[in-house]
Amino acid sequence: MPSKPEPASQALEPLSTSQKHVAQQILQAHQELKGREVACDVKIGELFVAEFFGGSLDQWHQRKSGDLSLERIVKLGSLPFGTSALRQKVELYELSTRLGGGLLAYPDLEAAHFRAISSLPLEPGQTLLAQAQAERWTTRQLESAVAASKLAGSPDANRQLLLDLHRAMASMRRLADEKAGLVADMNLAGLPQEHSQPVAAALDALSKALDGLHGFLDSQAKPGKKA
């Protein structure tokens, strides 16, 4: 029996003249703002929402199931990134509007930092961003602080224990994040590799353990979870 033909993928509606123009604007922004990740992502998100959703983030959130606007502009506009990346750029643009366009007030933070606080209310999110900027936090340090902030409003009986664990974990994370510089300093000082390699291995193990602990503690911060 002959095999059944595979179903054809859903055809994408061609881009309008206006949408083609926006695709070109996105490509231009991607080139001109290279090296300025946050500004680039916010601009691209703004261009996309303005063209496909009339500039309304409410319409973006209310788009129908099966909406192919992301796929259309990415594929038919020959954009150099995928639909998931474009969705993240829209989310960053939305966060920028929530903060009154204030993302550029944190020049040392990357897009991943802003995504880390996107689930928080505005005020605690701004507080953590300011602290991350002042103390040059890594993304993982900020993620730990976000999880601790969520725990602060949790009714769990063991909330204080979890908060203490988060604070201790943040301190250990700082040590783990400094591993490259520490090992490099040891090598520059002329210490044999048999001395520096165990340090690097131990810090790698600590970093992996902290990743696992962070995931567990974050799960305890979710509503309905018991410590």
N, C-alpha and C. Protein backbone atom coordinates (compact mmCIF):
# COMPACT_ATOMS: atom_id res chain seq x y z
N MET A 1 0.85 -1.20 0.00
CA MET A 1 0.00 0.00 0.00
C MET A 1 0.88 1.24 0.00
N PRO A 2 0.62 2.17 -0.91
CA PRO A 2 1.46 3.36 -0.96
C PRO A 2 1.30 4.19 0.30
N SER A 3 2.41 4.78 0.74
CA SER A 3 2.36 5.59 1.96
C SER A 3 1.60 6.87 1.70
N LYS A 4 0.94 7.38 2.76
CA LYS A 4 0.17 8.62 2.65
C LYS A 4 1.12 9.80 2.59
N PRO A 5 0.81 10.76 1.76
CA PRO A 5 1.67 11.95 1.70
C PRO A 5 1.60 12.73 2.99
N GLU A 6 2.73 13.32 3.38
CA GLU A 6 2.76 14.12 4.60
C GLU A 6 1.94 15.38 4.40
N PRO A 7 1.21 15.81 5.46
CA PRO A 7 0.41 17.02 5.32
C PRO A 7 1.29 18.24 5.07
N ALA A 8 0.85 19.10 4.17
CA ALA A 8 1.62 20.30 3.86
C ALA A 8 1.57 21.26 5.03
N SER A 9 2.67 21.95 5.26
CA SER A 9 2.69 22.93 6.33
C SER A 9 1.77 24.09 5.97
N GLN A 10 1.21 24.75 6.98
CA GLN A 10 0.27 25.83 6.75
C GLN A 10 0.95 26.97 5.99
N ALA A 11 0.30 27.37 4.90
CA ALA A 11 0.87 28.44 4.08
C ALA A 11 0.78 29.76 4.84
N LEU A 12 1.81 30.56 4.70
CA LEU A 12 1.84 31.85 5.36
C LEU A 12 1.33 32.93 4.41
N GLU A 13 0.45 33.76 4.94
CA GLU A 13 -0.06 34.87 4.14
C GLU A 13 1.08 35.83 3.81
N PRO A 14 1.21 36.22 2.55
CA PRO A 14 2.31 37.14 2.18
C PRO A 14 2.26 38.43 2.99
N LEU A 15 3.42 39.02 3.18
CA LEU A 15 3.50 40.29 3.88
C LEU A 15 2.95 41.41 2.99
N SER A 16 2.26 42.35 3.62
CA SER A 16 1.81 43.53 2.89
C SER A 16 3.01 44.44 2.63
N THR A 17 2.80 45.45 1.81
CA THR A 17 3.87 46.40 1.54
C THR A 17 4.36 47.05 2.84
N SER A 18 3.42 47.42 3.69
CA SER A 18 3.77 48.05 4.97
C SER A 18 4.56 47.09 5.85
N GLN A 19 4.15 45.83 5.88
CA GLN A 19 4.83 44.83 6.72
C GLN A 19 6.23 44.53 6.18
N LYS A 20 6.39 44.53 4.86
CA LYS A 20 7.73 44.36 4.28
C LYS A 20 8.63 45.51 4.70
N HIS A 21 8.07 46.71 4.73
CA HIS A 21 8.85 47.89 5.13
C HIS A 21 9.30 47.75 6.58
N VAL A 22 8.40 47.27 7.44
CA VAL A 22 8.75 47.08 8.85
C VAL A 22 9.83 46.01 9.00
N ALA A 23 9.74 44.96 8.20
CA ALA A 23 10.78 43.92 8.24
C ALA A 23 12.14 44.54 7.91
N GLN A 24 12.17 45.45 6.94
CA GLN A 24 13.41 46.13 6.60
C GLN A 24 13.88 47.03 7.74
N GLN A 25 12.95 47.69 8.42
CA GLN A 25 13.30 48.52 9.56
C GLN A 25 13.90 47.68 10.69
N ILE A 26 13.33 46.49 10.88
CA ILE A 26 13.84 45.58 11.91
C ILE A 26 15.26 45.14 11.56
N LEU A 27 15.48 44.79 10.32
CA LEU A 27 16.83 44.41 9.89
C LEU A 27 17.81 45.56 10.08
N GLN A 28 17.36 46.78 9.80
CA GLN A 28 18.21 47.95 9.96
C GLN A 28 18.55 48.18 11.43
N ALA A 29 17.55 48.07 12.30
CA ALA A 29 17.78 48.23 13.74
C ALA A 29 18.73 47.16 14.26
N HIS A 30 18.58 45.95 13.74
CA HIS A 30 19.44 44.84 14.17
C HIS A 30 20.89 45.12 13.83
N GLN A 31 21.13 45.80 12.71
CA GLN A 31 22.49 46.14 12.30
C GLN A 31 23.01 47.38 13.03
N GLU A 32 22.20 48.41 13.07
CA GLU A 32 22.66 49.69 13.62
C GLU A 32 22.84 49.64 15.14
N LEU A 33 22.06 48.81 15.82
CA LEU A 33 22.13 48.74 17.29
C LEU A 33 22.90 47.51 17.76
N LYS A 34 23.67 46.92 16.87
CA LYS A 34 24.48 45.75 17.25
C LYS A 34 25.43 46.15 18.38
N GLY A 35 25.48 45.33 19.42
CA GLY A 35 26.29 45.65 20.58
C GLY A 35 25.52 46.39 21.66
N ARG A 36 24.28 46.79 21.35
CA ARG A 36 23.41 47.45 22.34
C ARG A 36 22.15 46.59 22.44
N GLU A 37 22.30 45.44 23.07
CA GLU A 37 21.27 44.40 23.05
C GLU A 37 19.91 44.90 23.52
N VAL A 38 19.89 45.60 24.65
CA VAL A 38 18.62 46.01 25.23
C VAL A 38 17.90 47.01 24.32
N ALA A 39 18.62 48.04 23.89
CA ALA A 39 18.02 49.04 23.01
C ALA A 39 17.54 48.41 21.71
N CYS A 40 18.32 47.47 21.18
CA CYS A 40 17.96 46.79 19.94
C CYS A 40 16.69 45.98 20.11
N ASP A 41 16.61 45.19 21.18
CA ASP A 41 15.44 44.34 21.40
C ASP A 41 14.18 45.16 21.62
N VAL A 42 14.29 46.25 22.40
CA VAL A 42 13.14 47.10 22.66
C VAL A 42 12.63 47.73 21.35
N LYS A 43 13.55 48.21 20.53
CA LYS A 43 13.16 48.83 19.26
C LYS A 43 12.48 47.84 18.34
N ILE A 44 13.03 46.64 18.24
CA ILE A 44 12.44 45.63 17.36
C ILE A 44 11.05 45.23 17.86
N GLY A 45 10.93 45.04 19.17
CA GLY A 45 9.62 44.72 19.73
C GLY A 45 8.60 45.80 19.46
N GLU A 46 9.03 47.05 19.59
CA GLU A 46 8.13 48.19 19.34
C GLU A 46 7.68 48.22 17.88
N LEU A 47 8.62 48.02 16.95
CA LEU A 47 8.28 48.03 15.52
C LEU A 47 7.27 46.93 15.19
N PHE A 48 7.48 45.76 15.73
CA PHE A 48 6.60 44.63 15.44
C PHE A 48 5.19 44.88 15.97
N VAL A 49 5.08 45.30 17.23
CA VAL A 49 3.76 45.53 17.83
C VAL A 49 3.04 46.68 17.12
N ALA A 50 3.77 47.72 16.75
CA ALA A 50 3.16 48.86 16.07
C ALA A 50 2.53 48.44 14.74
N GLU A 51 3.20 47.57 13.98
CA GLU A 51 2.72 47.19 12.66
C GLU A 51 1.63 46.14 12.72
N PHE A 52 1.82 45.10 13.53
CA PHE A 52 0.90 43.96 13.50
C PHE A 52 -0.24 44.08 14.51
N PHE A 53 -0.08 44.92 15.52
CA PHE A 53 -1.12 45.03 16.55
C PHE A 53 -1.49 46.47 16.86
N GLY A 54 -1.25 47.35 15.90
CA GLY A 54 -1.64 48.73 16.05
C GLY A 54 -1.01 49.44 17.24
N GLY A 55 0.17 48.94 17.66
CA GLY A 55 0.85 49.54 18.81
C GLY A 55 0.24 49.17 20.14
N SER A 56 -0.73 48.27 20.16
CA SER A 56 -1.44 47.91 21.39
C SER A 56 -0.93 46.59 21.97
N LEU A 57 -0.35 46.65 23.15
CA LEU A 57 0.08 45.42 23.82
C LEU A 57 -1.12 44.61 24.28
N ASP A 58 -2.25 45.26 24.53
CA ASP A 58 -3.47 44.52 24.87
C ASP A 58 -3.88 43.63 23.70
N GLN A 59 -3.83 44.19 22.49
CA GLN A 59 -4.16 43.37 21.31
C GLN A 59 -3.17 42.23 21.14
N TRP A 60 -1.90 42.48 21.43
CA TRP A 60 -0.89 41.42 21.36
C TRP A 60 -1.26 40.27 22.30
N HIS A 61 -1.67 40.60 23.51
CA HIS A 61 -2.03 39.55 24.47
C HIS A 61 -3.34 38.86 24.11
N GLN A 62 -4.21 39.56 23.39
CA GLN A 62 -5.50 39.00 23.04
C GLN A 62 -5.53 38.36 21.66
N ARG A 63 -4.36 38.21 21.04
CA ARG A 63 -4.31 37.62 19.70
C ARG A 63 -4.89 36.22 19.72
N LYS A 64 -5.48 35.84 18.62
CA LYS A 64 -6.17 34.56 18.54
C LYS A 64 -5.19 33.40 18.51
N SER A 65 -5.66 32.25 18.99
CA SER A 65 -4.86 31.03 18.88
C SER A 65 -4.62 30.74 17.41
N GLY A 66 -3.39 30.41 17.07
CA GLY A 66 -3.06 30.16 15.67
C GLY A 66 -2.60 31.39 14.93
N ASP A 67 -2.48 32.52 15.63
CA ASP A 67 -1.96 33.73 15.00
C ASP A 67 -0.53 33.47 14.50
N LEU A 68 -0.27 33.83 13.26
CA LEU A 68 1.03 33.53 12.64
C LEU A 68 1.84 34.78 12.34
N SER A 69 1.54 35.87 13.03
CA SER A 69 2.26 37.12 12.73
C SER A 69 3.75 36.99 12.99
N LEU A 70 4.13 36.30 14.07
CA LEU A 70 5.56 36.10 14.36
C LEU A 70 6.23 35.31 13.24
N GLU A 71 5.60 34.20 12.88
CA GLU A 71 6.18 33.34 11.85
C GLU A 71 6.27 34.07 10.51
N ARG A 72 5.25 34.86 10.19
CA ARG A 72 5.22 35.54 8.90
C ARG A 72 6.38 36.51 8.75
N ILE A 73 6.57 37.38 9.76
CA ILE A 73 7.61 38.39 9.58
C ILE A 73 9.01 37.79 9.71
N VAL A 74 9.15 36.75 10.54
CA VAL A 74 10.46 36.11 10.69
C VAL A 74 10.86 35.40 9.41
N LYS A 75 9.95 34.60 8.87
CA LYS A 75 10.29 33.78 7.70
C LYS A 75 10.22 34.58 6.39
N LEU A 76 9.12 35.29 6.20
CA LEU A 76 8.96 36.01 4.94
C LEU A 76 9.77 37.30 4.91
N GLY A 77 10.11 37.82 6.09
CA GLY A 77 10.95 39.02 6.16
C GLY A 77 12.42 38.69 6.26
N SER A 78 12.76 37.38 6.27
CA SER A 78 14.16 36.92 6.32
C SER A 78 14.92 37.54 7.50
N LEU A 79 14.27 37.51 8.67
CA LEU A 79 14.93 38.06 9.85
C LEU A 79 16.00 37.09 10.36
N PRO A 80 17.07 37.62 10.96
CA PRO A 80 18.20 36.77 11.38
C PRO A 80 18.01 36.12 12.75
N PHE A 81 16.76 35.97 13.20
CA PHE A 81 16.47 35.30 14.47
C PHE A 81 15.11 34.62 14.33
N GLY A 82 14.81 33.73 15.28
CA GLY A 82 13.60 32.93 15.20
C GLY A 82 12.41 33.58 15.89
N THR A 83 11.28 32.87 15.85
CA THR A 83 10.05 33.39 16.44
C THR A 83 10.15 33.52 17.96
N SER A 84 10.84 32.59 18.61
CA SER A 84 10.99 32.67 20.07
C SER A 84 11.78 33.91 20.46
N ALA A 85 12.83 34.20 19.70
CA ALA A 85 13.64 35.39 19.98
C ALA A 85 12.82 36.65 19.78
N LEU A 86 12.00 36.69 18.73
CA LEU A 86 11.16 37.87 18.49
C LEU A 86 10.14 38.03 19.62
N ARG A 87 9.59 36.93 20.08
CA ARG A 87 8.63 37.00 21.20
C ARG A 87 9.31 37.59 22.43
N GLN A 88 10.54 37.21 22.70
CA GLN A 88 11.27 37.75 23.85
C GLN A 88 11.52 39.25 23.68
N LYS A 89 11.74 39.68 22.45
CA LYS A 89 11.95 41.11 22.20
C LYS A 89 10.67 41.90 22.47
N VAL A 90 9.53 41.31 22.11
CA VAL A 90 8.25 41.96 22.41
C VAL A 90 8.05 42.05 23.93
N GLU A 91 8.41 40.99 24.65
CA GLU A 91 8.26 40.99 26.10
C GLU A 91 9.16 42.05 26.74
N LEU A 92 10.35 42.24 26.17
CA LEU A 92 11.25 43.26 26.71
C LEU A 92 10.69 44.65 26.41
N TYR A 93 10.12 44.82 25.23
CA TYR A 93 9.48 46.10 24.90
C TYR A 93 8.34 46.38 25.88
N GLU A 94 7.56 45.36 26.19
CA GLU A 94 6.45 45.54 27.14
C GLU A 94 6.97 45.95 28.52
N LEU A 95 8.05 45.31 28.97
CA LEU A 95 8.63 45.68 30.26
C LEU A 95 9.12 47.12 30.22
N SER A 96 9.68 47.53 29.10
CA SER A 96 10.15 48.90 28.96
C SER A 96 9.01 49.88 29.11
N THR A 97 7.84 49.56 28.55
CA THR A 97 6.69 50.45 28.69
C THR A 97 6.20 50.48 30.13
N ARG A 98 6.26 49.34 30.82
CA ARG A 98 5.86 49.32 32.23
C ARG A 98 6.77 50.19 33.08
N LEU A 99 8.05 50.21 32.72
CA LEU A 99 9.03 51.00 33.48
C LEU A 99 9.15 52.42 32.94
N GLY A 100 8.24 52.82 32.06
CA GLY A 100 8.30 54.17 31.51
C GLY A 100 9.50 54.38 30.61
N GLY A 101 9.93 53.31 29.92
CA GLY A 101 11.09 53.42 29.04
C GLY A 101 12.40 53.51 29.78
N GLY A 102 12.39 53.08 31.04
CA GLY A 102 13.57 53.28 31.89
C GLY A 102 14.63 52.21 31.86
N LEU A 103 14.58 51.29 30.89
CA LEU A 103 15.58 50.22 30.87
C LEU A 103 16.99 50.76 30.69
N LEU A 104 17.11 51.86 29.95
CA LEU A 104 18.45 52.39 29.67
C LEU A 104 19.05 53.06 30.91
N ALA A 105 18.28 53.16 31.99
CA ALA A 105 18.82 53.68 33.25
C ALA A 105 19.72 52.65 33.92
N TYR A 106 19.76 51.44 33.35
CA TYR A 106 20.57 50.36 33.92
C TYR A 106 21.56 49.89 32.85
N PRO A 107 22.56 50.70 32.52
CA PRO A 107 23.42 50.42 31.37
C PRO A 107 24.27 49.17 31.49
N ASP A 108 24.49 48.68 32.71
CA ASP A 108 25.34 47.50 32.88
C ASP A 108 24.55 46.20 32.86
N LEU A 109 23.23 46.28 32.75
CA LEU A 109 22.40 45.08 32.76
C LEU A 109 22.07 44.65 31.33
N GLU A 110 21.89 43.35 31.18
CA GLU A 110 21.59 42.78 29.87
C GLU A 110 20.11 42.41 29.80
N ALA A 111 19.68 42.01 28.61
CA ALA A 111 18.28 41.66 28.41
C ALA A 111 17.84 40.56 29.37
N ALA A 112 18.74 39.61 29.65
CA ALA A 112 18.38 38.50 30.55
C ALA A 112 18.08 39.00 31.96
N HIS A 113 18.74 40.07 32.40
CA HIS A 113 18.44 40.64 33.71
C HIS A 113 16.99 41.13 33.76
N PHE A 114 16.58 41.83 32.71
CA PHE A 114 15.23 42.40 32.70
C PHE A 114 14.18 41.30 32.61
N ARG A 115 14.47 40.25 31.85
CA ARG A 115 13.52 39.15 31.77
C ARG A 115 13.37 38.47 33.13
N ALA A 116 14.43 38.49 33.93
CA ALA A 116 14.38 37.84 35.24
C ALA A 116 13.37 38.48 36.18
N ILE A 117 13.13 39.80 36.03
CA ILE A 117 12.22 40.48 36.95
C ILE A 117 10.84 40.72 36.34
N SER A 118 10.61 40.21 35.12
CA SER A 118 9.38 40.53 34.41
C SER A 118 8.13 40.01 35.11
N SER A 119 8.27 38.99 35.96
CA SER A 119 7.10 38.43 36.65
C SER A 119 6.78 39.14 37.96
N LEU A 120 7.63 40.10 38.36
CA LEU A 120 7.42 40.82 39.62
C LEU A 120 6.57 42.07 39.41
N PRO A 121 5.87 42.52 40.44
CA PRO A 121 5.22 43.83 40.37
C PRO A 121 6.26 44.92 40.11
N LEU A 122 5.79 46.08 39.67
CA LEU A 122 6.69 47.13 39.22
C LEU A 122 7.68 47.58 40.29
N GLU A 123 7.20 47.90 41.48
CA GLU A 123 8.07 48.49 42.50
C GLU A 123 9.19 47.55 42.96
N PRO A 124 8.87 46.30 43.36
CA PRO A 124 9.99 45.41 43.75
C PRO A 124 10.91 45.09 42.58
N GLY A 125 10.36 45.07 41.37
CA GLY A 125 11.21 44.83 40.20
C GLY A 125 12.21 45.95 40.01
N GLN A 126 11.76 47.19 40.14
CA GLN A 126 12.65 48.33 40.01
C GLN A 126 13.71 48.34 41.11
N THR A 127 13.31 47.98 42.32
CA THR A 127 14.26 47.95 43.43
C THR A 127 15.38 46.96 43.16
N LEU A 128 15.02 45.77 42.67
CA LEU A 128 16.03 44.75 42.39
C LEU A 128 16.91 45.15 41.20
N LEU A 129 16.33 45.80 40.20
CA LEU A 129 17.13 46.26 39.07
C LEU A 129 18.17 47.28 39.53
N ALA A 130 17.75 48.20 40.40
CA ALA A 130 18.69 49.21 40.90
C ALA A 130 19.81 48.56 41.70
N GLN A 131 19.49 47.55 42.50
CA GLN A 131 20.51 46.86 43.28
C GLN A 131 21.44 46.07 42.37
N ALA A 132 20.85 45.42 41.35
CA ALA A 132 21.67 44.66 40.40
C ALA A 132 22.63 45.57 39.65
N GLN A 133 22.16 46.76 39.29
CA GLN A 133 23.01 47.73 38.60
C GLN A 133 24.13 48.21 39.51
N ALA A 134 23.77 48.56 40.76
CA ALA A 134 24.75 49.12 41.70
C ALA A 134 25.82 48.10 42.08
N GLU A 135 25.41 46.83 42.23
CA GLU A 135 26.33 45.80 42.71
C GLU A 135 26.84 44.89 41.59
N ARG A 136 26.50 45.24 40.34
CA ARG A 136 26.97 44.48 39.17
C ARG A 136 26.62 42.99 39.29
N TRP A 137 25.38 42.69 39.61
CA TRP A 137 24.96 41.31 39.75
C TRP A 137 24.98 40.59 38.41
N THR A 138 25.28 39.31 38.45
CA THR A 138 25.08 38.46 37.28
C THR A 138 23.59 38.16 37.17
N THR A 139 23.20 37.60 36.03
CA THR A 139 21.79 37.23 35.85
C THR A 139 21.37 36.22 36.91
N ARG A 140 22.23 35.27 37.22
CA ARG A 140 21.87 34.24 38.20
C ARG A 140 21.70 34.83 39.59
N GLN A 141 22.50 35.82 39.93
CA GLN A 141 22.33 36.47 41.23
C GLN A 141 20.98 37.18 41.29
N LEU A 142 20.60 37.83 40.20
CA LEU A 142 19.31 38.52 40.17
C LEU A 142 18.17 37.52 40.23
N GLU A 143 18.30 36.40 39.54
CA GLU A 143 17.26 35.37 39.59
C GLU A 143 17.06 34.86 41.01
N SER A 144 18.16 34.71 41.75
CA SER A 144 18.05 34.28 43.14
C SER A 144 17.32 35.34 43.98
N ALA A 145 17.62 36.60 43.73
CA ALA A 145 16.97 37.69 44.47
C ALA A 145 15.49 37.76 44.12
N VAL A 146 15.14 37.51 42.86
CA VAL A 146 13.73 37.50 42.45
C VAL A 146 12.98 36.38 43.18
N ALA A 147 13.58 35.20 43.23
CA ALA A 147 12.94 34.08 43.93
C ALA A 147 12.76 34.42 45.41
N ALA A 148 13.75 35.06 46.02
CA ALA A 148 13.64 35.45 47.42
C ALA A 148 12.53 36.48 47.61
N SER A 149 12.38 37.39 46.65
CA SER A 149 11.33 38.40 46.73
C SER A 149 9.95 37.75 46.69
N LYS A 150 9.82 36.72 45.87
CA LYS A 150 8.54 36.00 45.81
C LYS A 150 8.26 35.29 47.13
N LEU A 151 9.32 34.72 47.71
CA LEU A 151 9.15 34.03 48.99
C LEU A 151 8.74 34.99 50.10
N ALA A 152 9.14 36.25 49.98
CA ALA A 152 8.83 37.23 51.03
C ALA A 152 7.33 37.40 51.20
N GLY A 153 6.56 37.13 50.15
CA GLY A 153 5.11 37.25 50.27
C GLY A 153 4.43 35.91 50.43
N SER A 154 5.21 34.87 50.65
CA SER A 154 4.64 33.53 50.77
C SER A 154 4.17 33.26 52.19
N PRO A 155 3.03 32.57 52.36
CA PRO A 155 2.54 32.25 53.71
C PRO A 155 3.15 30.98 54.30
N ASP A 156 4.09 30.37 53.59
CA ASP A 156 4.65 29.10 54.08
C ASP A 156 5.26 29.25 55.46
N ALA A 157 5.08 28.24 56.27
CA ALA A 157 5.61 28.28 57.64
C ALA A 157 7.13 28.35 57.65
N ASN A 158 7.74 27.77 56.65
CA ASN A 158 9.21 27.72 56.61
C ASN A 158 9.78 28.81 55.71
N ARG A 159 9.01 29.89 55.48
CA ARG A 159 9.47 30.95 54.59
C ARG A 159 10.80 31.54 55.02
N GLN A 160 10.98 31.78 56.33
CA GLN A 160 12.21 32.41 56.79
C GLN A 160 13.43 31.52 56.50
N LEU A 161 13.25 30.22 56.67
CA LEU A 161 14.33 29.30 56.37
C LEU A 161 14.70 29.39 54.89
N LEU A 162 13.69 29.44 54.03
CA LEU A 162 13.95 29.53 52.60
C LEU A 162 14.65 30.85 52.25
N LEU A 163 14.22 31.92 52.90
CA LEU A 163 14.87 33.21 52.67
C LEU A 163 16.34 33.17 53.09
N ASP A 164 16.61 32.56 54.23
CA ASP A 164 17.99 32.44 54.70
C ASP A 164 18.82 31.62 53.71
N LEU A 165 18.22 30.57 53.19
CA LEU A 165 18.92 29.75 52.21
C LEU A 165 19.24 30.56 50.95
N HIS A 166 18.29 31.38 50.53
CA HIS A 166 18.53 32.21 49.36
C HIS A 166 19.66 33.20 49.59
N ARG A 167 19.72 33.79 50.78
CA ARG A 167 20.79 34.75 51.06
C ARG A 167 22.15 34.04 51.06
N ALA A 168 22.19 32.85 51.67
CA ALA A 168 23.44 32.09 51.68
C ALA A 168 23.83 31.69 50.27
N MET A 169 22.83 31.31 49.48
CA MET A 169 23.09 30.90 48.11
C MET A 169 23.63 32.06 47.29
N ALA A 170 23.11 33.27 47.52
CA ALA A 170 23.58 34.44 46.79
C ALA A 170 25.06 34.70 47.08
N SER A 171 25.44 34.52 48.33
CA SER A 171 26.85 34.72 48.70
C SER A 171 27.74 33.68 48.02
N MET A 172 27.29 32.42 48.01
CA MET A 172 28.06 31.37 47.35
C MET A 172 28.11 31.60 45.85
N ARG A 173 27.02 32.15 45.28
CA ARG A 173 26.98 32.40 43.86
C ARG A 173 28.04 33.43 43.46
N ARG A 174 28.24 34.43 44.30
CA ARG A 174 29.25 35.44 43.99
C ARG A 174 30.63 34.79 43.90
N LEU A 175 30.90 33.86 44.82
CA LEU A 175 32.18 33.16 44.78
C LEU A 175 32.30 32.32 43.52
N ALA A 176 31.23 31.61 43.17
CA ALA A 176 31.28 30.76 41.98
C ALA A 176 31.47 31.58 40.72
N ASP A 177 30.83 32.76 40.66
CA ASP A 177 30.93 33.60 39.47
C ASP A 177 32.31 34.24 39.32
N GLU A 178 33.08 34.23 40.39
CA GLU A 178 34.43 34.80 40.33
C GLU A 178 35.49 33.75 40.00
N LYS A 179 35.06 32.53 39.70
CA LYS A 179 36.01 31.43 39.55
C LYS A 179 37.02 31.67 38.43
N ALA A 180 36.53 32.22 37.29
CA ALA A 180 37.44 32.39 36.16
C ALA A 180 38.58 33.34 36.52
N GLY A 181 38.23 34.44 37.16
CA GLY A 181 39.26 35.40 37.55
C GLY A 181 40.19 34.83 38.60
N LEU A 182 39.64 34.06 39.51
CA LEU A 182 40.46 33.47 40.58
C LEU A 182 41.48 32.50 40.01
N VAL A 183 41.01 31.63 39.13
CA VAL A 183 41.91 30.63 38.55
C VAL A 183 42.94 31.32 37.66
N ALA A 184 42.51 32.35 36.91
CA ALA A 184 43.45 33.07 36.06
C ALA A 184 44.54 33.73 36.89
N ASP A 185 44.15 34.32 38.04
CA ASP A 185 45.14 34.94 38.92
C ASP A 185 46.13 33.90 39.44
N MET A 186 45.65 32.71 39.74
CA MET A 186 46.54 31.66 40.23
C MET A 186 47.55 31.27 39.15
N ASN A 187 47.05 31.19 37.90
CA ASN A 187 47.94 30.82 36.81
C ASN A 187 48.96 31.92 36.54
N LEU A 188 48.52 33.18 36.61
CA LEU A 188 49.44 34.30 36.39
C LEU A 188 50.50 34.37 37.48
N ALA A 189 50.11 33.93 38.67
CA ALA A 189 51.06 33.96 39.77
C ALA A 189 52.10 32.84 39.67
N GLY A 190 51.97 32.02 38.64
CA GLY A 190 52.95 30.96 38.41
C GLY A 190 52.69 29.68 39.17
N LEU A 191 51.49 29.55 39.77
CA LEU A 191 51.18 28.32 40.49
C LEU A 191 50.96 27.18 39.49
N PRO A 192 51.42 25.99 39.79
CA PRO A 192 51.23 24.86 38.88
C PRO A 192 49.75 24.58 38.65
N GLN A 193 49.43 24.03 37.45
CA GLN A 193 48.03 23.75 37.13
C GLN A 193 47.42 22.72 38.07
N GLU A 194 48.29 21.85 38.64
CA GLU A 194 47.71 20.86 39.56
C GLU A 194 47.15 21.52 40.81
N HIS A 195 47.53 22.80 41.04
CA HIS A 195 46.95 23.54 42.16
C HIS A 195 45.68 24.28 41.74
N SER A 196 45.70 24.86 40.54
CA SER A 196 44.55 25.66 40.11
C SER A 196 43.39 24.81 39.60
N GLN A 197 43.69 23.68 38.98
CA GLN A 197 42.62 22.87 38.41
C GLN A 197 41.65 22.33 39.46
N PRO A 198 42.11 21.85 40.62
CA PRO A 198 41.14 21.42 41.64
C PRO A 198 40.24 22.55 42.11
N VAL A 199 40.79 23.77 42.18
CA VAL A 199 39.97 24.92 42.58
C VAL A 199 38.88 25.16 41.54
N ALA A 200 39.27 25.13 40.26
CA ALA A 200 38.29 25.34 39.19
C ALA A 200 37.21 24.26 39.22
N ALA A 201 37.63 23.00 39.43
CA ALA A 201 36.67 21.90 39.47
C ALA A 201 35.71 22.04 40.65
N ALA A 202 36.24 22.45 41.80
CA ALA A 202 35.39 22.61 42.98
C ALA A 202 34.37 23.73 42.78
N LEU A 203 34.81 24.82 42.15
CA LEU A 203 33.90 25.94 41.91
C LEU A 203 32.86 25.58 40.85
N ASP A 204 33.24 24.78 39.87
CA ASP A 204 32.27 24.30 38.88
C ASP A 204 31.20 23.45 39.56
N ALA A 205 31.63 22.58 40.46
CA ALA A 205 30.69 21.73 41.18
C ALA A 205 29.75 22.58 42.04
N LEU A 206 30.31 23.61 42.68
CA LEU A 206 29.49 24.51 43.49
C LEU A 206 28.45 25.22 42.62
N SER A 207 28.88 25.68 41.45
CA SER A 207 27.96 26.38 40.55
C SER A 207 26.80 25.48 40.14
N LYS A 208 27.10 24.22 39.80
CA LYS A 208 26.05 23.28 39.40
C LYS A 208 25.11 22.99 40.57
N ALA A 209 25.67 22.84 41.76
CA ALA A 209 24.84 22.59 42.93
C ALA A 209 23.91 23.78 43.20
N LEU A 210 24.42 24.98 43.01
CA LEU A 210 23.61 26.18 43.23
C LEU A 210 22.48 26.27 42.20
N ASP A 211 22.77 25.85 40.96
CA ASP A 211 21.72 25.85 39.94
C ASP A 211 20.57 24.94 40.37
N GLY A 212 20.92 23.75 40.87
CA GLY A 212 19.88 22.82 41.32
C GLY A 212 19.11 23.35 42.51
N LEU A 213 19.83 23.94 43.46
CA LEU A 213 19.18 24.48 44.66
C LEU A 213 18.28 25.65 44.29
N HIS A 214 18.74 26.48 43.35
CA HIS A 214 17.93 27.62 42.93
C HIS A 214 16.61 27.14 42.34
N GLY A 215 16.65 26.10 41.49
CA GLY A 215 15.43 25.57 40.90
C GLY A 215 14.47 25.05 41.95
N PHE A 216 15.02 24.35 42.96
CA PHE A 216 14.17 23.82 44.02
C PHE A 216 13.52 24.94 44.83
N LEU A 217 14.32 25.92 45.24
CA LEU A 217 13.78 27.00 46.06
C LEU A 217 12.75 27.82 45.28
N ASP A 218 13.01 28.01 43.99
CA ASP A 218 12.06 28.76 43.19
C ASP A 218 10.73 28.02 43.12
N SER A 219 10.78 26.69 43.06
CA SER A 219 9.53 25.92 43.02
C SER A 219 8.76 26.05 44.32
N GLN A 220 9.48 26.24 45.44
CA GLN A 220 8.81 26.40 46.73
C GLN A 220 8.13 27.76 46.85
N ALA A 221 8.56 28.71 46.02
CA ALA A 221 7.98 30.06 46.09
C ALA A 221 6.65 30.14 45.37
N LYS A 222 6.30 29.12 44.58
CA LYS A 222 5.06 29.18 43.82
C LYS A 222 3.87 28.93 44.72
N PRO A 223 2.73 29.56 44.43
CA PRO A 223 1.54 29.39 45.26
C PRO A 223 1.16 27.93 45.38
N GLY A 224 0.76 27.54 46.58
CA GLY A 224 0.32 26.17 46.82
C GLY A 224 1.43 25.22 47.19
N LYS A 225 2.68 25.62 47.08
CA LYS A 225 3.81 24.77 47.42
C LYS A 225 4.10 24.87 48.90
N LYS A 226 4.44 23.78 49.50
CA LYS A 226 4.82 23.75 50.91
C LYS A 226 6.29 23.42 51.03
N ALA A 227 6.99 24.14 51.91
CA ALA A 227 8.41 23.90 52.09
C ALA A 227 8.63 22.58 52.79
